[in-house]
Amino acid sequence: MFQALVQKAQGAVNTAVGKVLTRAAVAVPLVIAAGFGIAALTVTLTERFGPALSYTIMAGLFVAIGGVTALVMSRSETEPQPLPQDAAPSLAENVAEFATPLLDRDTILPLLTTAGPVALPALLRLAARNLPLLVVAIIVALFYFGRSVRADEQTTGTPDEPVRSPHS
């Protein structure tokens, strides 16, 4: 009885994950290409107008792009969405209602201890295949959190003790 429901949910998740991965596979090269295009445009503008004016032009271009994007996004958010009249519960609602009692601690803990040794080799293979992505993510996280911790340390000086600049 529940097997069909679980298979439908699994199929829906697989389809959604497939769509996301396909979009990411298309988006990553496009973002990289856009970065090279922006760099080429900046070099061309720098050769023609000089550094200060070319960077100002690029900043204005990005402000214009951001403004148009914000305008389009605000228009799409303000359009009223029609409300369904007495709609039947969706598949996600059915699965959530079915899975809620399964998510208590007494059920999850034994499940994780039994599934952990089985899933660990697959997770390690997945991590090994995506090692460059993981390394970049760790570097970005360390850079971001390292800077925020350093900024917090500099701004939380005591009132009696002045905050020292890095040049003194």
N, C-alpha and C. Protein backbone atom coordinates (compact mmCIF):
# COMPACT_ATOMS: atom_id res chain seq x y z
N MET A 1 0.83 -1.19 0.00
CA MET A 1 0.00 0.00 0.00
C MET A 1 0.87 1.25 0.00
N PHE A 2 1.82 1.31 0.92
CA PHE A 2 2.68 2.48 0.99
C PHE A 2 3.82 2.43 -0.02
N GLN A 3 4.04 1.25 -0.60
CA GLN A 3 5.14 1.09 -1.55
C GLN A 3 4.92 1.99 -2.77
N ALA A 4 3.70 2.08 -3.27
CA ALA A 4 3.41 2.92 -4.43
C ALA A 4 3.63 4.39 -4.08
N LEU A 5 3.22 4.78 -2.88
CA LEU A 5 3.41 6.17 -2.43
C LEU A 5 4.89 6.50 -2.31
N VAL A 6 5.66 5.57 -1.76
CA VAL A 6 7.09 5.78 -1.62
C VAL A 6 7.76 5.85 -2.99
N GLN A 7 7.33 4.99 -3.92
CA GLN A 7 7.91 5.01 -5.26
C GLN A 7 7.58 6.30 -5.99
N LYS A 8 6.36 6.83 -5.83
CA LYS A 8 6.00 8.11 -6.44
C LYS A 8 6.84 9.23 -5.86
N ALA A 9 7.01 9.23 -4.54
CA ALA A 9 7.82 10.27 -3.90
C ALA A 9 9.27 10.18 -4.35
N GLN A 10 9.78 8.96 -4.45
CA GLN A 10 11.15 8.76 -4.89
C GLN A 10 11.33 9.22 -6.33
N GLY A 11 10.36 8.94 -7.18
CA GLY A 11 10.41 9.39 -8.57
C GLY A 11 10.36 10.90 -8.66
N ALA A 12 9.52 11.53 -7.83
CA ALA A 12 9.44 13.00 -7.83
C ALA A 12 10.76 13.62 -7.37
N VAL A 13 11.36 13.05 -6.35
CA VAL A 13 12.65 13.56 -5.86
C VAL A 13 13.73 13.37 -6.91
N ASN A 14 13.77 12.19 -7.54
CA ASN A 14 14.76 11.94 -8.59
C ASN A 14 14.60 12.90 -9.76
N THR A 15 13.37 13.18 -10.14
CA THR A 15 13.11 14.12 -11.23
C THR A 15 13.57 15.52 -10.84
N ALA A 16 13.24 15.95 -9.62
CA ALA A 16 13.64 17.29 -9.17
C ALA A 16 15.15 17.42 -9.09
N VAL A 17 15.82 16.40 -8.55
CA VAL A 17 17.28 16.43 -8.45
C VAL A 17 17.90 16.44 -9.85
N GLY A 18 17.34 15.67 -10.76
CA GLY A 18 17.83 15.65 -12.14
C GLY A 18 17.71 17.00 -12.81
N LYS A 19 16.59 17.68 -12.59
CA LYS A 19 16.40 19.01 -13.17
C LYS A 19 17.41 20.00 -12.59
N VAL A 20 17.61 19.95 -11.29
CA VAL A 20 18.56 20.86 -10.65
C VAL A 20 19.97 20.61 -11.17
N LEU A 21 20.37 19.34 -11.26
CA LEU A 21 21.72 19.03 -11.76
C LEU A 21 21.89 19.44 -13.22
N THR A 22 20.85 19.27 -14.03
CA THR A 22 20.92 19.70 -15.42
C THR A 22 21.07 21.20 -15.53
N ARG A 23 20.28 21.93 -14.73
CA ARG A 23 20.39 23.39 -14.75
C ARG A 23 21.75 23.85 -14.25
N ALA A 24 22.28 23.19 -13.24
CA ALA A 24 23.61 23.55 -12.73
C ALA A 24 24.68 23.25 -13.76
N ALA A 25 24.54 22.13 -14.48
CA ALA A 25 25.52 21.78 -15.51
C ALA A 25 25.51 22.80 -16.64
N VAL A 26 24.38 23.41 -16.90
CA VAL A 26 24.30 24.45 -17.92
C VAL A 26 24.76 25.79 -17.35
N ALA A 27 24.41 26.07 -16.11
CA ALA A 27 24.69 27.38 -15.53
C ALA A 27 26.17 27.60 -15.24
N VAL A 28 26.88 26.59 -14.79
CA VAL A 28 28.29 26.77 -14.41
C VAL A 28 29.14 27.24 -15.58
N PRO A 29 29.09 26.60 -16.76
CA PRO A 29 29.89 27.13 -17.88
C PRO A 29 29.44 28.52 -18.31
N LEU A 30 28.15 28.81 -18.21
CA LEU A 30 27.67 30.14 -18.59
C LEU A 30 28.18 31.20 -17.63
N VAL A 31 28.24 30.90 -16.35
CA VAL A 31 28.77 31.86 -15.37
C VAL A 31 30.26 32.09 -15.61
N ILE A 32 30.99 31.02 -15.89
CA ILE A 32 32.42 31.16 -16.18
C ILE A 32 32.62 31.98 -17.45
N ALA A 33 31.83 31.71 -18.48
CA ALA A 33 31.93 32.47 -19.73
C ALA A 33 31.58 33.94 -19.49
N ALA A 34 30.59 34.20 -18.67
CA ALA A 34 30.24 35.59 -18.35
C ALA A 34 31.39 36.28 -17.64
N GLY A 35 32.08 35.59 -16.76
CA GLY A 35 33.23 36.17 -16.08
C GLY A 35 34.33 36.55 -17.05
N PHE A 36 34.62 35.66 -18.01
CA PHE A 36 35.63 35.99 -19.01
C PHE A 36 35.17 37.14 -19.91
N GLY A 37 33.89 37.17 -20.23
CA GLY A 37 33.36 38.27 -21.04
C GLY A 37 33.46 39.60 -20.32
N ILE A 38 33.17 39.60 -19.03
CA ILE A 38 33.29 40.82 -18.23
C ILE A 38 34.74 41.27 -18.16
N ALA A 39 35.64 40.32 -17.98
CA ALA A 39 37.07 40.67 -17.94
C ALA A 39 37.52 41.26 -19.27
N ALA A 40 37.09 40.67 -20.39
CA ALA A 40 37.47 41.18 -21.71
C ALA A 40 36.89 42.57 -21.94
N LEU A 41 35.65 42.78 -21.54
CA LEU A 41 35.04 44.11 -21.68
C LEU A 41 35.78 45.14 -20.84
N THR A 42 36.17 44.76 -19.63
CA THR A 42 36.91 45.67 -18.77
C THR A 42 38.26 46.03 -19.38
N VAL A 43 38.97 45.06 -19.93
CA VAL A 43 40.27 45.33 -20.57
C VAL A 43 40.09 46.26 -21.76
N THR A 44 39.07 45.98 -22.57
CA THR A 44 38.82 46.83 -23.74
C THR A 44 38.49 48.25 -23.33
N LEU A 45 37.63 48.40 -22.34
CA LEU A 45 37.28 49.75 -21.87
C LEU A 45 38.48 50.45 -21.25
N THR A 46 39.33 49.70 -20.55
CA THR A 46 40.52 50.29 -19.93
C THR A 46 41.48 50.80 -21.00
N GLU A 47 41.66 50.04 -22.07
CA GLU A 47 42.54 50.49 -23.15
C GLU A 47 41.99 51.72 -23.85
N ARG A 48 40.67 51.83 -23.93
CA ARG A 48 40.07 52.93 -24.67
C ARG A 48 39.86 54.17 -23.82
N PHE A 49 39.39 54.03 -22.57
CA PHE A 49 39.02 55.18 -21.75
C PHE A 49 39.91 55.38 -20.52
N GLY A 50 40.77 54.45 -20.21
CA GLY A 50 41.58 54.55 -19.00
C GLY A 50 40.92 53.79 -17.87
N PRO A 51 41.69 53.49 -16.81
CA PRO A 51 41.16 52.64 -15.73
C PRO A 51 39.99 53.24 -14.97
N ALA A 52 40.09 54.50 -14.56
CA ALA A 52 39.06 55.08 -13.70
C ALA A 52 37.71 55.12 -14.41
N LEU A 53 37.68 55.62 -15.63
CA LEU A 53 36.42 55.73 -16.35
C LEU A 53 35.88 54.34 -16.73
N SER A 54 36.74 53.41 -17.10
CA SER A 54 36.26 52.08 -17.48
C SER A 54 35.66 51.35 -16.29
N TYR A 55 36.25 51.48 -15.12
CA TYR A 55 35.67 50.83 -13.94
C TYR A 55 34.36 51.50 -13.55
N THR A 56 34.26 52.81 -13.77
CA THR A 56 33.00 53.50 -13.50
C THR A 56 31.92 53.02 -14.46
N ILE A 57 32.28 52.85 -15.73
CA ILE A 57 31.32 52.34 -16.71
C ILE A 57 30.86 50.94 -16.32
N MET A 58 31.81 50.08 -15.92
CA MET A 58 31.44 48.72 -15.51
C MET A 58 30.54 48.74 -14.28
N ALA A 59 30.84 49.61 -13.32
CA ALA A 59 29.98 49.71 -12.13
C ALA A 59 28.58 50.16 -12.51
N GLY A 60 28.48 51.14 -13.40
CA GLY A 60 27.17 51.60 -13.86
C GLY A 60 26.42 50.50 -14.59
N LEU A 61 27.13 49.71 -15.38
CA LEU A 61 26.52 48.60 -16.10
C LEU A 61 25.92 47.59 -15.12
N PHE A 62 26.68 47.27 -14.07
CA PHE A 62 26.16 46.30 -13.09
C PHE A 62 25.02 46.88 -12.27
N VAL A 63 25.06 48.19 -11.99
CA VAL A 63 23.94 48.82 -11.28
C VAL A 63 22.69 48.75 -12.16
N ALA A 64 22.84 49.01 -13.45
CA ALA A 64 21.70 48.94 -14.36
C ALA A 64 21.15 47.52 -14.45
N ILE A 65 22.03 46.53 -14.56
CA ILE A 65 21.59 45.13 -14.61
C ILE A 65 20.87 44.76 -13.31
N GLY A 66 21.42 45.17 -12.17
CA GLY A 66 20.79 44.89 -10.88
C GLY A 66 19.43 45.57 -10.75
N GLY A 67 19.33 46.81 -11.24
CA GLY A 67 18.06 47.53 -11.17
C GLY A 67 16.99 46.87 -12.02
N VAL A 68 17.36 46.47 -13.25
CA VAL A 68 16.39 45.80 -14.12
C VAL A 68 15.97 44.47 -13.50
N THR A 69 16.93 43.73 -12.94
CA THR A 69 16.61 42.45 -12.30
C THR A 69 15.68 42.66 -11.12
N ALA A 70 15.95 43.66 -10.29
CA ALA A 70 15.09 43.94 -9.13
C ALA A 70 13.69 44.34 -9.58
N LEU A 71 13.61 45.13 -10.67
CA LEU A 71 12.30 45.54 -11.18
C LEU A 71 11.52 44.33 -11.68
N VAL A 72 12.17 43.46 -12.43
CA VAL A 72 11.49 42.27 -12.95
C VAL A 72 11.06 41.36 -11.80
N MET A 73 11.94 41.17 -10.81
CA MET A 73 11.60 40.30 -9.68
C MET A 73 10.46 40.88 -8.85
N SER A 74 10.43 42.19 -8.65
CA SER A 74 9.35 42.78 -7.86
C SER A 74 8.02 42.70 -8.60
N ARG A 75 8.05 42.79 -9.91
CA ARG A 75 6.81 42.67 -10.70
C ARG A 75 6.27 41.24 -10.62
N SER A 76 7.16 40.26 -10.68
CA SER A 76 6.68 38.87 -10.65
C SER A 76 6.18 38.47 -9.27
N GLU A 77 6.70 39.12 -8.21
CA GLU A 77 6.26 38.79 -6.86
C GLU A 77 4.91 39.42 -6.54
N THR A 78 4.59 40.57 -7.16
CA THR A 78 3.36 41.26 -6.81
C THR A 78 2.15 40.75 -7.57
N GLU A 79 2.34 39.92 -8.59
CA GLU A 79 1.20 39.37 -9.32
C GLU A 79 0.46 38.40 -8.42
N PRO A 80 -0.86 38.58 -8.29
CA PRO A 80 -1.61 37.68 -7.41
C PRO A 80 -1.68 36.28 -8.00
N GLN A 81 -1.44 35.32 -7.16
CA GLN A 81 -1.51 33.92 -7.56
C GLN A 81 -2.92 33.41 -7.27
N PRO A 82 -3.54 32.75 -8.23
CA PRO A 82 -4.89 32.22 -7.96
C PRO A 82 -4.83 31.12 -6.90
N LEU A 83 -5.75 31.19 -5.97
CA LEU A 83 -5.81 30.19 -4.91
C LEU A 83 -6.66 29.01 -5.36
N PRO A 84 -6.17 27.80 -5.17
CA PRO A 84 -6.98 26.64 -5.56
C PRO A 84 -8.18 26.49 -4.63
N GLN A 85 -9.30 26.15 -5.20
CA GLN A 85 -10.52 25.98 -4.43
C GLN A 85 -10.64 24.52 -4.01
N ASP A 86 -10.60 24.27 -2.72
CA ASP A 86 -10.77 22.93 -2.16
C ASP A 86 -9.93 21.89 -2.89
N ALA A 87 -8.66 22.19 -3.01
CA ALA A 87 -7.76 21.28 -3.72
C ALA A 87 -7.49 20.05 -2.86
N ALA A 88 -7.34 18.93 -3.51
CA ALA A 88 -7.00 17.70 -2.81
C ALA A 88 -5.57 17.82 -2.30
N PRO A 89 -5.24 17.16 -1.20
CA PRO A 89 -3.87 17.25 -0.69
C PRO A 89 -2.87 16.73 -1.72
N SER A 90 -1.75 17.42 -1.81
CA SER A 90 -0.74 17.03 -2.80
C SER A 90 0.03 15.81 -2.30
N LEU A 91 0.86 15.29 -3.19
CA LEU A 91 1.68 14.13 -2.85
C LEU A 91 2.63 14.48 -1.71
N ALA A 92 3.19 15.69 -1.74
CA ALA A 92 4.11 16.09 -0.69
C ALA A 92 3.41 16.16 0.66
N GLU A 93 2.18 16.66 0.69
CA GLU A 93 1.43 16.71 1.94
C GLU A 93 1.13 15.31 2.46
N ASN A 94 0.78 14.40 1.53
CA ASN A 94 0.51 13.02 1.94
C ASN A 94 1.76 12.37 2.51
N VAL A 95 2.90 12.58 1.85
CA VAL A 95 4.15 11.99 2.33
C VAL A 95 4.53 12.60 3.67
N ALA A 96 4.36 13.92 3.82
CA ALA A 96 4.69 14.58 5.09
C ALA A 96 3.82 14.06 6.22
N GLU A 97 2.53 13.86 5.94
CA GLU A 97 1.63 13.34 6.96
C GLU A 97 2.00 11.91 7.34
N PHE A 98 2.42 11.13 6.36
CA PHE A 98 2.81 9.74 6.61
C PHE A 98 4.15 9.68 7.34
N ALA A 99 5.10 10.58 6.98
CA ALA A 99 6.46 10.49 7.50
C ALA A 99 6.64 11.15 8.85
N THR A 100 5.73 12.01 9.28
CA THR A 100 5.91 12.72 10.54
C THR A 100 6.11 11.79 11.72
N PRO A 101 5.32 10.73 11.90
CA PRO A 101 5.60 9.84 13.04
C PRO A 101 6.91 9.07 12.88
N LEU A 102 7.40 8.94 11.66
CA LEU A 102 8.65 8.20 11.45
C LEU A 102 9.88 9.03 11.80
N LEU A 103 9.73 10.34 11.96
CA LEU A 103 10.86 11.21 12.18
C LEU A 103 11.17 11.47 13.65
N ASP A 104 10.60 10.69 14.55
CA ASP A 104 10.95 10.89 15.95
C ASP A 104 12.31 10.24 16.24
N ARG A 105 12.90 10.60 17.34
CA ARG A 105 14.26 10.17 17.66
C ARG A 105 14.39 8.65 17.82
N ASP A 106 13.36 8.02 18.37
CA ASP A 106 13.42 6.57 18.60
C ASP A 106 13.43 5.79 17.29
N THR A 107 12.95 6.40 16.22
CA THR A 107 12.95 5.71 14.93
C THR A 107 14.21 6.06 14.14
N ILE A 108 14.61 7.32 14.18
CA ILE A 108 15.73 7.78 13.36
C ILE A 108 17.06 7.20 13.83
N LEU A 109 17.30 7.17 15.14
CA LEU A 109 18.59 6.73 15.66
C LEU A 109 18.92 5.29 15.26
N PRO A 110 18.03 4.31 15.46
CA PRO A 110 18.37 2.96 14.99
C PRO A 110 18.53 2.88 13.47
N LEU A 111 17.74 3.68 12.74
CA LEU A 111 17.84 3.68 11.29
C LEU A 111 19.22 4.17 10.84
N LEU A 112 19.69 5.24 11.47
CA LEU A 112 21.01 5.78 11.11
C LEU A 112 22.14 4.84 11.51
N THR A 113 22.01 4.18 12.64
CA THR A 113 23.08 3.27 13.05
C THR A 113 23.14 2.03 12.16
N THR A 114 22.00 1.62 11.60
CA THR A 114 22.03 0.47 10.70
C THR A 114 22.40 0.89 9.29
N ALA A 115 21.94 2.04 8.84
CA ALA A 115 22.20 2.47 7.47
C ALA A 115 23.57 3.13 7.33
N GLY A 116 24.14 3.60 8.42
CA GLY A 116 25.43 4.29 8.36
C GLY A 116 26.54 3.48 7.73
N PRO A 117 26.81 2.27 8.20
CA PRO A 117 27.88 1.47 7.58
C PRO A 117 27.61 1.12 6.12
N VAL A 118 26.36 1.02 5.74
CA VAL A 118 26.04 0.71 4.35
C VAL A 118 26.23 1.95 3.47
N ALA A 119 25.84 3.11 3.98
CA ALA A 119 25.88 4.34 3.19
C ALA A 119 27.26 4.99 3.18
N LEU A 120 28.10 4.70 4.15
CA LEU A 120 29.40 5.37 4.26
C LEU A 120 30.28 5.18 3.03
N PRO A 121 30.44 3.97 2.48
CA PRO A 121 31.28 3.84 1.28
C PRO A 121 30.75 4.66 0.10
N ALA A 122 29.44 4.69 -0.08
CA ALA A 122 28.86 5.48 -1.18
C ALA A 122 29.11 6.97 -0.96
N LEU A 123 28.98 7.42 0.28
CA LEU A 123 29.24 8.83 0.58
C LEU A 123 30.71 9.18 0.37
N LEU A 124 31.61 8.27 0.74
CA LEU A 124 33.04 8.52 0.52
C LEU A 124 33.37 8.56 -0.98
N ARG A 125 32.74 7.69 -1.77
CA ARG A 125 32.96 7.74 -3.23
C ARG A 125 32.45 9.05 -3.80
N LEU A 126 31.29 9.50 -3.33
CA LEU A 126 30.72 10.75 -3.78
C LEU A 126 31.64 11.92 -3.42
N ALA A 127 32.18 11.90 -2.21
CA ALA A 127 33.10 12.96 -1.79
C ALA A 127 34.38 12.92 -2.61
N ALA A 128 34.88 11.73 -2.93
CA ALA A 128 36.10 11.62 -3.72
C ALA A 128 35.90 12.14 -5.14
N ARG A 129 34.73 11.87 -5.72
CA ARG A 129 34.46 12.37 -7.07
C ARG A 129 34.33 13.89 -7.09
N ASN A 130 33.83 14.47 -6.00
CA ASN A 130 33.62 15.91 -5.93
C ASN A 130 34.66 16.59 -5.07
N LEU A 131 35.84 16.00 -4.97
CA LEU A 131 36.88 16.55 -4.11
C LEU A 131 37.27 17.98 -4.47
N PRO A 132 37.46 18.32 -5.73
CA PRO A 132 37.79 19.72 -6.03
C PRO A 132 36.71 20.70 -5.57
N LEU A 133 35.46 20.32 -5.75
CA LEU A 133 34.37 21.18 -5.30
C LEU A 133 34.37 21.31 -3.78
N LEU A 134 34.62 20.22 -3.08
CA LEU A 134 34.68 20.26 -1.62
C LEU A 134 35.83 21.13 -1.14
N VAL A 135 37.00 21.02 -1.80
CA VAL A 135 38.16 21.82 -1.40
C VAL A 135 37.86 23.30 -1.60
N VAL A 136 37.26 23.66 -2.74
CA VAL A 136 36.92 25.06 -2.99
C VAL A 136 35.90 25.55 -1.97
N ALA A 137 34.91 24.72 -1.66
CA ALA A 137 33.90 25.11 -0.68
C ALA A 137 34.52 25.32 0.70
N ILE A 138 35.47 24.48 1.09
CA ILE A 138 36.14 24.63 2.38
C ILE A 138 36.98 25.89 2.39
N ILE A 139 37.70 26.16 1.30
CA ILE A 139 38.53 27.37 1.23
C ILE A 139 37.65 28.62 1.31
N VAL A 140 36.55 28.63 0.58
CA VAL A 140 35.65 29.79 0.62
C VAL A 140 35.08 29.96 2.02
N ALA A 141 34.67 28.86 2.65
CA ALA A 141 34.11 28.95 4.00
C ALA A 141 35.15 29.46 4.99
N LEU A 142 36.39 28.94 4.90
CA LEU A 142 37.44 29.42 5.81
C LEU A 142 37.75 30.89 5.56
N PHE A 143 37.78 31.29 4.31
CA PHE A 143 38.03 32.69 3.99
C PHE A 143 36.93 33.57 4.55
N TYR A 144 35.69 33.19 4.32
CA TYR A 144 34.55 33.99 4.77
C TYR A 144 34.49 34.05 6.29
N PHE A 145 34.52 32.89 6.94
CA PHE A 145 34.38 32.87 8.38
C PHE A 145 35.64 33.40 9.06
N GLY A 146 36.80 33.23 8.45
CA GLY A 146 38.03 33.78 9.02
C GLY A 146 38.01 35.29 9.03
N ARG A 147 37.49 35.88 7.95
CA ARG A 147 37.39 37.34 7.89
C ARG A 147 36.38 37.85 8.88
N SER A 148 35.23 37.17 9.02
CA SER A 148 34.20 37.65 9.94
C SER A 148 34.67 37.53 11.39
N VAL A 149 35.45 36.49 11.72
CA VAL A 149 35.97 36.35 13.07
C VAL A 149 37.00 37.43 13.35
N ARG A 150 37.88 37.70 12.37
CA ARG A 150 38.88 38.75 12.53
C ARG A 150 38.23 40.11 12.69
N ALA A 151 37.17 40.38 11.93
CA ALA A 151 36.46 41.65 12.03
C ALA A 151 35.80 41.77 13.39
N ASP A 152 35.24 40.67 13.91
CA ASP A 152 34.62 40.70 15.23
C ASP A 152 35.66 40.95 16.31
N GLU A 153 36.85 40.36 16.17
CA GLU A 153 37.91 40.57 17.16
C GLU A 153 38.35 42.02 17.16
N GLN A 154 38.41 42.66 16.00
CA GLN A 154 38.86 44.04 15.93
C GLN A 154 37.81 45.00 16.47
N THR A 155 36.54 44.70 16.29
CA THR A 155 35.49 45.62 16.73
C THR A 155 35.07 45.41 18.17
N THR A 156 35.49 44.32 18.81
CA THR A 156 35.08 44.07 20.19
C THR A 156 36.18 44.43 21.18
N GLY A 157 36.93 45.48 20.90
CA GLY A 157 37.94 45.95 21.85
C GLY A 157 37.26 46.54 23.07
N THR A 158 37.90 46.47 24.24
CA THR A 158 37.31 47.02 25.46
C THR A 158 37.39 48.54 25.40
N PRO A 159 36.52 49.29 26.13
CA PRO A 159 36.54 50.75 26.07
C PRO A 159 37.85 51.35 26.56
N ASP A 160 38.53 50.70 27.53
CA ASP A 160 39.77 51.23 28.04
C ASP A 160 40.92 51.01 27.06
N GLU A 161 40.81 49.99 26.24
CA GLU A 161 41.87 49.63 25.34
C GLU A 161 41.47 50.03 23.91
N PRO A 162 42.20 50.94 23.27
CA PRO A 162 41.82 51.35 21.92
C PRO A 162 42.09 50.23 20.92
N VAL A 163 41.28 50.22 19.87
CA VAL A 163 41.48 49.25 18.81
C VAL A 163 42.65 49.69 17.97
N ARG A 164 43.62 48.81 17.78
CA ARG A 164 44.82 49.16 17.06
C ARG A 164 44.65 48.85 15.59
N SER A 165 45.17 49.73 14.78
CA SER A 165 45.13 49.49 13.34
C SER A 165 46.26 48.56 12.97
N PRO A 166 46.16 47.87 11.83
CA PRO A 166 47.22 46.94 11.45
C PRO A 166 48.52 47.66 11.06
N HIS A 167 48.50 48.99 10.86
CA HIS A 167 49.68 49.73 10.45
C HIS A 167 50.52 50.20 11.62
N SER A 168 49.99 50.15 12.84
CA SER A 168 50.78 50.65 13.98
C SER A 168 51.46 49.55 14.74
